[in-house]
Amino acid sequence: MKKDIKFPPVTGIKLAIAKEVINGHDEWNVYIINLNLIEVNTVIITAKGYGVIQGETKKTSVLRHMIQEIGPESMAKIEPIDPALFTLNNEYWVSYYILDQIFDKKFIFTEGSMDPSNITFIPELGLEGVIHR
């Protein structure tokens, strides 16, 4: 059972939503960044959005992603994200292994977190965006 599995605190993993300009168009993507000095593997990510828009409750589909391995001090693109979803809470549940130990953390980009005042340069990506620790 899940309650019997020990989940140590997650360190060295960040999520970011960052903007790339491709052919003159802004493209927003979600990235996972591994700052650890060891690879992480069997990375499973579920993504969903939820919230209220103009008084109406909205939910997106749940998407699942799997990344076999993210090397030490490197990153991987998870998915593109439509800026229209920035008005929702965007939740990413990340599970992964380091050696034989499983780690698990929920990252939530809350409604309004993509406000232009929160956008900064993300050195690991070389892009502008919002980082979640």
N, C-alpha and C. Protein backbone atom coordinates (compact mmCIF):
# COMPACT_ATOMS: atom_id res chain seq x y z
N MET A 1 0.84 -1.17 0.00
CA MET A 1 0.00 0.00 0.00
C MET A 1 0.89 1.25 0.00
N LYS A 2 0.35 2.31 -0.57
CA LYS A 2 1.11 3.55 -0.67
C LYS A 2 1.52 4.07 0.70
N LYS A 3 0.66 3.90 1.72
CA LYS A 3 0.98 4.40 3.05
C LYS A 3 2.20 3.69 3.65
N ASP A 4 2.54 2.52 3.14
CA ASP A 4 3.68 1.77 3.65
C ASP A 4 4.99 2.13 2.96
N ILE A 5 4.92 2.90 1.88
CA ILE A 5 6.12 3.30 1.15
C ILE A 5 6.65 4.59 1.75
N LYS A 6 7.92 4.63 2.06
CA LYS A 6 8.53 5.83 2.59
C LYS A 6 8.97 6.73 1.43
N PHE A 7 8.48 7.97 1.45
CA PHE A 7 8.82 8.95 0.43
C PHE A 7 9.68 10.03 1.07
N PRO A 8 10.99 9.98 0.86
CA PRO A 8 11.83 11.05 1.40
C PRO A 8 11.53 12.37 0.69
N PRO A 9 11.92 13.49 1.30
CA PRO A 9 11.64 14.78 0.66
C PRO A 9 12.34 14.92 -0.69
N VAL A 10 11.66 15.57 -1.60
CA VAL A 10 12.21 15.80 -2.94
C VAL A 10 13.14 16.99 -2.88
N THR A 11 14.36 16.81 -3.37
CA THR A 11 15.31 17.90 -3.49
C THR A 11 15.96 17.82 -4.86
N GLY A 12 16.32 18.95 -5.40
CA GLY A 12 17.03 18.97 -6.67
C GLY A 12 16.18 18.80 -7.91
N ILE A 13 14.85 18.79 -7.75
CA ILE A 13 13.95 18.70 -8.91
C ILE A 13 13.08 19.94 -8.93
N LYS A 14 13.02 20.58 -10.09
CA LYS A 14 12.18 21.77 -10.27
C LYS A 14 11.34 21.58 -11.53
N LEU A 15 10.22 22.28 -11.58
CA LEU A 15 9.43 22.36 -12.79
C LEU A 15 9.41 23.82 -13.24
N ALA A 16 9.34 24.04 -14.52
CA ALA A 16 9.30 25.40 -15.05
C ALA A 16 8.35 25.45 -16.24
N ILE A 17 7.70 26.59 -16.37
CA ILE A 17 6.95 26.91 -17.58
C ILE A 17 7.72 28.05 -18.22
N ALA A 18 8.20 27.82 -19.43
CA ALA A 18 9.07 28.80 -20.07
C ALA A 18 8.65 29.03 -21.51
N LYS A 19 9.02 30.22 -21.99
CA LYS A 19 8.62 30.65 -23.33
C LYS A 19 9.81 30.60 -24.28
N GLU A 20 9.58 29.98 -25.43
CA GLU A 20 10.54 30.01 -26.53
C GLU A 20 9.88 30.78 -27.67
N VAL A 21 10.68 31.52 -28.41
CA VAL A 21 10.17 32.18 -29.60
C VAL A 21 10.64 31.36 -30.80
N ILE A 22 9.67 30.77 -31.50
CA ILE A 22 9.96 29.91 -32.66
C ILE A 22 9.26 30.51 -33.87
N ASN A 23 10.06 30.84 -34.88
CA ASN A 23 9.53 31.47 -36.10
C ASN A 23 8.66 32.69 -35.78
N GLY A 24 9.09 33.48 -34.81
CA GLY A 24 8.37 34.70 -34.46
C GLY A 24 7.14 34.50 -33.60
N HIS A 25 6.87 33.26 -33.18
CA HIS A 25 5.69 32.96 -32.35
C HIS A 25 6.14 32.48 -30.98
N ASP A 26 5.41 32.93 -29.95
CA ASP A 26 5.70 32.47 -28.59
C ASP A 26 5.17 31.05 -28.42
N GLU A 27 6.01 30.17 -27.91
CA GLU A 27 5.61 28.80 -27.61
C GLU A 27 5.96 28.53 -26.15
N TRP A 28 4.96 28.19 -25.35
CA TRP A 28 5.15 27.92 -23.94
C TRP A 28 5.25 26.41 -23.73
N ASN A 29 6.22 25.99 -22.92
CA ASN A 29 6.41 24.57 -22.63
C ASN A 29 6.67 24.37 -21.14
N VAL A 30 6.37 23.17 -20.67
CA VAL A 30 6.64 22.78 -19.29
C VAL A 30 7.87 21.89 -19.30
N TYR A 31 8.81 22.18 -18.39
CA TYR A 31 10.07 21.44 -18.31
C TYR A 31 10.26 20.89 -16.90
N ILE A 32 10.96 19.77 -16.82
CA ILE A 32 11.43 19.25 -15.55
C ILE A 32 12.95 19.41 -15.54
N ILE A 33 13.47 19.91 -14.43
CA ILE A 33 14.90 20.18 -14.31
C ILE A 33 15.46 19.33 -13.17
N ASN A 34 16.48 18.56 -13.47
CA ASN A 34 17.17 17.73 -12.48
C ASN A 34 18.48 18.42 -12.10
N LEU A 35 18.54 18.97 -10.90
CA LEU A 35 19.76 19.61 -10.41
C LEU A 35 20.66 18.65 -9.64
N ASN A 36 20.20 17.42 -9.46
CA ASN A 36 20.97 16.43 -8.72
C ASN A 36 22.22 16.02 -9.50
N LEU A 37 23.20 15.52 -8.80
CA LEU A 37 24.44 15.05 -9.42
C LEU A 37 24.34 13.59 -9.85
N ILE A 38 23.12 13.06 -9.86
CA ILE A 38 22.86 11.68 -10.27
C ILE A 38 21.60 11.70 -11.13
N GLU A 39 21.50 10.74 -12.06
CA GLU A 39 20.32 10.70 -12.92
C GLU A 39 19.10 10.27 -12.13
N VAL A 40 17.94 10.71 -12.62
CA VAL A 40 16.67 10.22 -12.10
C VAL A 40 16.07 9.38 -13.22
N ASN A 41 15.34 8.33 -12.86
CA ASN A 41 14.78 7.48 -13.91
C ASN A 41 13.35 7.08 -13.60
N THR A 42 12.72 6.51 -14.61
CA THR A 42 11.32 6.12 -14.57
C THR A 42 10.49 7.28 -14.02
N VAL A 43 10.60 8.41 -14.70
CA VAL A 43 9.89 9.62 -14.29
C VAL A 43 8.47 9.57 -14.87
N ILE A 44 7.49 9.60 -13.99
CA ILE A 44 6.09 9.57 -14.39
C ILE A 44 5.46 10.87 -13.94
N ILE A 45 4.79 11.54 -14.86
CA ILE A 45 4.19 12.85 -14.57
C ILE A 45 2.74 12.83 -15.01
N THR A 46 1.84 13.24 -14.11
CA THR A 46 0.45 13.46 -14.50
C THR A 46 0.21 14.96 -14.48
N ALA A 47 -0.50 15.45 -15.46
CA ALA A 47 -0.75 16.88 -15.59
C ALA A 47 -2.24 17.11 -15.73
N LYS A 48 -2.73 18.13 -15.00
CA LYS A 48 -4.14 18.50 -15.14
C LYS A 48 -4.29 19.96 -14.74
N GLY A 49 -5.34 20.57 -15.27
CA GLY A 49 -5.67 21.94 -14.92
C GLY A 49 -7.07 21.98 -14.34
N TYR A 50 -7.28 22.92 -13.41
CA TYR A 50 -8.60 23.06 -12.80
C TYR A 50 -8.75 24.46 -12.22
N GLY A 51 -9.98 24.91 -12.14
CA GLY A 51 -10.25 26.23 -11.57
C GLY A 51 -11.59 26.75 -12.02
N VAL A 52 -11.78 28.06 -11.83
CA VAL A 52 -13.03 28.71 -12.18
C VAL A 52 -12.73 29.83 -13.16
N ILE A 53 -13.44 29.83 -14.29
CA ILE A 53 -13.33 30.88 -15.29
C ILE A 53 -14.72 31.49 -15.48
N GLN A 54 -14.83 32.79 -15.23
CA GLN A 54 -16.10 33.52 -15.35
C GLN A 54 -17.22 32.80 -14.61
N GLY A 55 -16.94 32.37 -13.38
CA GLY A 55 -17.94 31.74 -12.54
C GLY A 55 -18.25 30.29 -12.87
N GLU A 56 -17.59 29.73 -13.85
CA GLU A 56 -17.84 28.34 -14.26
C GLU A 56 -16.64 27.47 -13.94
N THR A 57 -16.88 26.33 -13.29
CA THR A 57 -15.81 25.40 -12.95
C THR A 57 -15.30 24.73 -14.22
N LYS A 58 -13.99 24.74 -14.38
CA LYS A 58 -13.35 24.14 -15.55
C LYS A 58 -12.32 23.12 -15.10
N LYS A 59 -12.21 22.03 -15.88
CA LYS A 59 -11.17 21.01 -15.65
C LYS A 59 -10.65 20.57 -17.01
N THR A 60 -9.35 20.35 -17.08
CA THR A 60 -8.76 19.82 -18.31
C THR A 60 -8.69 18.31 -18.20
N SER A 61 -8.36 17.69 -19.29
CA SER A 61 -8.09 16.25 -19.27
C SER A 61 -6.82 15.99 -18.46
N VAL A 62 -6.74 14.80 -17.91
CA VAL A 62 -5.51 14.41 -17.22
C VAL A 62 -4.59 13.78 -18.26
N LEU A 63 -3.38 14.32 -18.38
CA LEU A 63 -2.39 13.78 -19.31
C LEU A 63 -1.30 13.08 -18.51
N ARG A 64 -0.80 12.01 -19.05
CA ARG A 64 0.27 11.26 -18.39
C ARG A 64 1.49 11.22 -19.30
N HIS A 65 2.65 11.44 -18.69
CA HIS A 65 3.90 11.45 -19.44
C HIS A 65 4.89 10.53 -18.73
N MET A 66 5.75 9.93 -19.51
CA MET A 66 6.80 9.07 -18.94
C MET A 66 8.11 9.44 -19.61
N ILE A 67 9.12 9.68 -18.79
CA ILE A 67 10.47 9.96 -19.28
C ILE A 67 11.37 8.90 -18.66
N GLN A 68 12.04 8.13 -19.49
CA GLN A 68 12.83 7.02 -18.98
C GLN A 68 13.96 7.48 -18.06
N GLU A 69 14.69 8.52 -18.48
CA GLU A 69 15.81 8.98 -17.66
C GLU A 69 16.10 10.45 -17.92
N ILE A 70 16.44 11.17 -16.85
CA ILE A 70 16.92 12.54 -16.96
C ILE A 70 18.29 12.55 -16.31
N GLY A 71 19.30 12.87 -17.10
CA GLY A 71 20.67 12.83 -16.62
C GLY A 71 20.94 13.83 -15.51
N PRO A 72 22.11 13.68 -14.87
CA PRO A 72 22.47 14.62 -13.82
C PRO A 72 22.57 16.04 -14.38
N GLU A 73 22.08 16.99 -13.60
CA GLU A 73 22.13 18.40 -13.96
C GLU A 73 21.64 18.66 -15.40
N SER A 74 20.51 18.08 -15.74
CA SER A 74 19.94 18.29 -17.07
C SER A 74 18.43 18.45 -16.96
N MET A 75 17.78 18.59 -18.09
CA MET A 75 16.34 18.83 -18.09
C MET A 75 15.68 18.09 -19.23
N ALA A 76 14.34 18.06 -19.18
CA ALA A 76 13.55 17.44 -20.25
C ALA A 76 12.26 18.23 -20.41
N LYS A 77 11.80 18.32 -21.65
CA LYS A 77 10.53 18.98 -21.93
C LYS A 77 9.42 17.98 -21.63
N ILE A 78 8.43 18.43 -20.88
CA ILE A 78 7.30 17.56 -20.54
C ILE A 78 6.19 17.70 -21.58
N GLU A 79 5.74 18.95 -21.81
CA GLU A 79 4.63 19.16 -22.73
C GLU A 79 4.52 20.63 -23.09
N PRO A 80 3.90 20.93 -24.23
CA PRO A 80 3.55 22.33 -24.51
C PRO A 80 2.32 22.69 -23.67
N ILE A 81 2.17 23.99 -23.39
CA ILE A 81 1.00 24.44 -22.63
C ILE A 81 0.43 25.68 -23.29
N ASP A 82 -0.87 25.69 -23.44
CA ASP A 82 -1.58 26.82 -24.05
C ASP A 82 -1.69 27.93 -23.01
N PRO A 83 -1.29 29.16 -23.34
CA PRO A 83 -1.40 30.27 -22.38
C PRO A 83 -2.82 30.50 -21.86
N ALA A 84 -3.83 30.05 -22.59
CA ALA A 84 -5.21 30.17 -22.10
C ALA A 84 -5.40 29.39 -20.80
N LEU A 85 -4.54 28.40 -20.55
CA LEU A 85 -4.64 27.60 -19.32
C LEU A 85 -3.99 28.28 -18.12
N PHE A 86 -3.32 29.40 -18.32
CA PHE A 86 -2.66 30.10 -17.22
C PHE A 86 -3.66 30.66 -16.22
N THR A 87 -4.93 30.78 -16.60
CA THR A 87 -5.95 31.26 -15.67
C THR A 87 -6.44 30.15 -14.74
N LEU A 88 -5.97 28.93 -14.97
CA LEU A 88 -6.32 27.79 -14.13
C LEU A 88 -5.14 27.43 -13.22
N ASN A 89 -5.39 26.57 -12.24
CA ASN A 89 -4.31 25.94 -11.49
C ASN A 89 -3.81 24.79 -12.37
N ASN A 90 -2.52 24.73 -12.60
CA ASN A 90 -1.93 23.66 -13.41
C ASN A 90 -1.09 22.79 -12.49
N GLU A 91 -1.54 21.54 -12.32
CA GLU A 91 -0.94 20.61 -11.36
C GLU A 91 -0.14 19.54 -12.09
N TYR A 92 1.07 19.31 -11.59
CA TYR A 92 1.94 18.27 -12.13
C TYR A 92 2.38 17.39 -10.96
N TRP A 93 1.97 16.13 -11.02
CA TRP A 93 2.37 15.17 -9.98
C TRP A 93 3.53 14.38 -10.57
N VAL A 94 4.69 14.47 -9.92
CA VAL A 94 5.92 13.87 -10.43
C VAL A 94 6.38 12.75 -9.50
N SER A 95 6.61 11.58 -10.07
CA SER A 95 7.18 10.44 -9.34
C SER A 95 8.39 9.96 -10.12
N TYR A 96 9.45 9.60 -9.41
CA TYR A 96 10.67 9.14 -10.08
C TYR A 96 11.52 8.34 -9.10
N TYR A 97 12.51 7.68 -9.65
CA TYR A 97 13.45 6.90 -8.85
C TYR A 97 14.84 7.51 -8.95
N ILE A 98 15.55 7.47 -7.83
CA ILE A 98 17.00 7.65 -7.79
C ILE A 98 17.51 6.36 -7.17
N LEU A 99 18.29 5.63 -7.96
CA LEU A 99 18.71 4.28 -7.59
C LEU A 99 17.45 3.47 -7.31
N ASP A 100 17.28 2.92 -6.10
CA ASP A 100 16.10 2.11 -5.80
C ASP A 100 15.08 2.84 -4.94
N GLN A 101 15.27 4.14 -4.74
CA GLN A 101 14.37 4.92 -3.88
C GLN A 101 13.38 5.72 -4.74
N ILE A 102 12.10 5.62 -4.39
CA ILE A 102 11.07 6.38 -5.10
C ILE A 102 10.87 7.73 -4.43
N PHE A 103 10.64 8.76 -5.25
CA PHE A 103 10.35 10.10 -4.79
C PHE A 103 9.05 10.55 -5.45
N ASP A 104 8.34 11.45 -4.79
CA ASP A 104 7.02 11.82 -5.25
C ASP A 104 6.72 13.25 -4.79
N LYS A 105 6.28 14.11 -5.71
CA LYS A 105 5.94 15.48 -5.32
C LYS A 105 4.91 16.06 -6.27
N LYS A 106 4.03 16.88 -5.71
CA LYS A 106 3.03 17.59 -6.49
C LYS A 106 3.50 19.04 -6.63
N PHE A 107 3.56 19.52 -7.88
CA PHE A 107 3.90 20.90 -8.18
C PHE A 107 2.64 21.56 -8.73
N ILE A 108 2.23 22.70 -8.15
CA ILE A 108 1.04 23.39 -8.64
C ILE A 108 1.41 24.82 -9.01
N PHE A 109 1.23 25.14 -10.29
CA PHE A 109 1.34 26.51 -10.76
C PHE A 109 -0.06 27.10 -10.58
N THR A 110 -0.22 27.89 -9.52
CA THR A 110 -1.55 28.39 -9.19
C THR A 110 -2.00 29.45 -10.18
N GLU A 111 -3.29 29.65 -10.20
CA GLU A 111 -3.90 30.68 -11.03
C GLU A 111 -3.17 32.00 -10.77
N GLY A 112 -2.73 32.65 -11.82
CA GLY A 112 -2.03 33.92 -11.69
C GLY A 112 -0.53 33.80 -11.53
N SER A 113 -0.01 32.59 -11.39
CA SER A 113 1.45 32.45 -11.20
C SER A 113 2.21 32.81 -12.47
N MET A 114 1.54 32.82 -13.61
CA MET A 114 2.21 33.18 -14.86
C MET A 114 2.06 34.67 -15.17
N ASP A 115 1.71 35.45 -14.16
CA ASP A 115 1.64 36.90 -14.31
C ASP A 115 3.00 37.42 -14.77
N PRO A 116 3.03 38.39 -15.68
CA PRO A 116 4.32 38.89 -16.18
C PRO A 116 5.29 39.33 -15.09
N SER A 117 4.79 39.76 -13.94
CA SER A 117 5.68 40.18 -12.85
C SER A 117 6.44 39.01 -12.23
N ASN A 118 5.97 37.78 -12.45
CA ASN A 118 6.64 36.58 -11.91
C ASN A 118 7.63 35.96 -12.89
N ILE A 119 7.65 36.43 -14.11
CA ILE A 119 8.51 35.83 -15.13
C ILE A 119 9.94 36.32 -14.97
N THR A 120 10.86 35.36 -14.89
CA THR A 120 12.28 35.67 -14.72
C THR A 120 13.10 34.79 -15.68
N PHE A 121 14.37 35.09 -15.76
CA PHE A 121 15.27 34.27 -16.57
C PHE A 121 15.58 32.99 -15.80
N ILE A 122 15.47 31.85 -16.48
CA ILE A 122 15.75 30.54 -15.87
C ILE A 122 17.06 30.06 -16.47
N PRO A 123 18.18 30.17 -15.72
CA PRO A 123 19.49 29.86 -16.29
C PRO A 123 19.63 28.42 -16.79
N GLU A 124 18.99 27.47 -16.12
CA GLU A 124 19.10 26.06 -16.53
C GLU A 124 18.53 25.84 -17.93
N LEU A 125 17.57 26.67 -18.32
CA LEU A 125 16.92 26.53 -19.63
C LEU A 125 17.41 27.58 -20.62
N GLY A 126 17.93 28.67 -20.10
CA GLY A 126 18.31 29.78 -20.97
C GLY A 126 17.09 30.48 -21.54
N LEU A 127 15.96 30.40 -20.81
CA LEU A 127 14.69 30.95 -21.28
C LEU A 127 14.03 31.76 -20.15
N GLU A 128 13.07 32.58 -20.54
CA GLU A 128 12.25 33.33 -19.59
C GLU A 128 11.06 32.47 -19.21
N GLY A 129 10.67 32.54 -17.92
CA GLY A 129 9.50 31.80 -17.49
C GLY A 129 9.33 31.86 -15.99
N VAL A 130 8.56 30.91 -15.48
CA VAL A 130 8.30 30.80 -14.04
C VAL A 130 8.78 29.44 -13.58
N ILE A 131 9.51 29.44 -12.47
CA ILE A 131 10.05 28.18 -11.95
C ILE A 131 9.33 27.83 -10.65
N HIS A 132 9.09 26.55 -10.47
CA HIS A 132 8.46 26.03 -9.24
C HIS A 132 9.45 25.10 -8.58
N ARG A 133 9.74 25.33 -7.33
CA ARG A 133 10.73 24.54 -6.61
C ARG A 133 10.09 23.45 -5.79
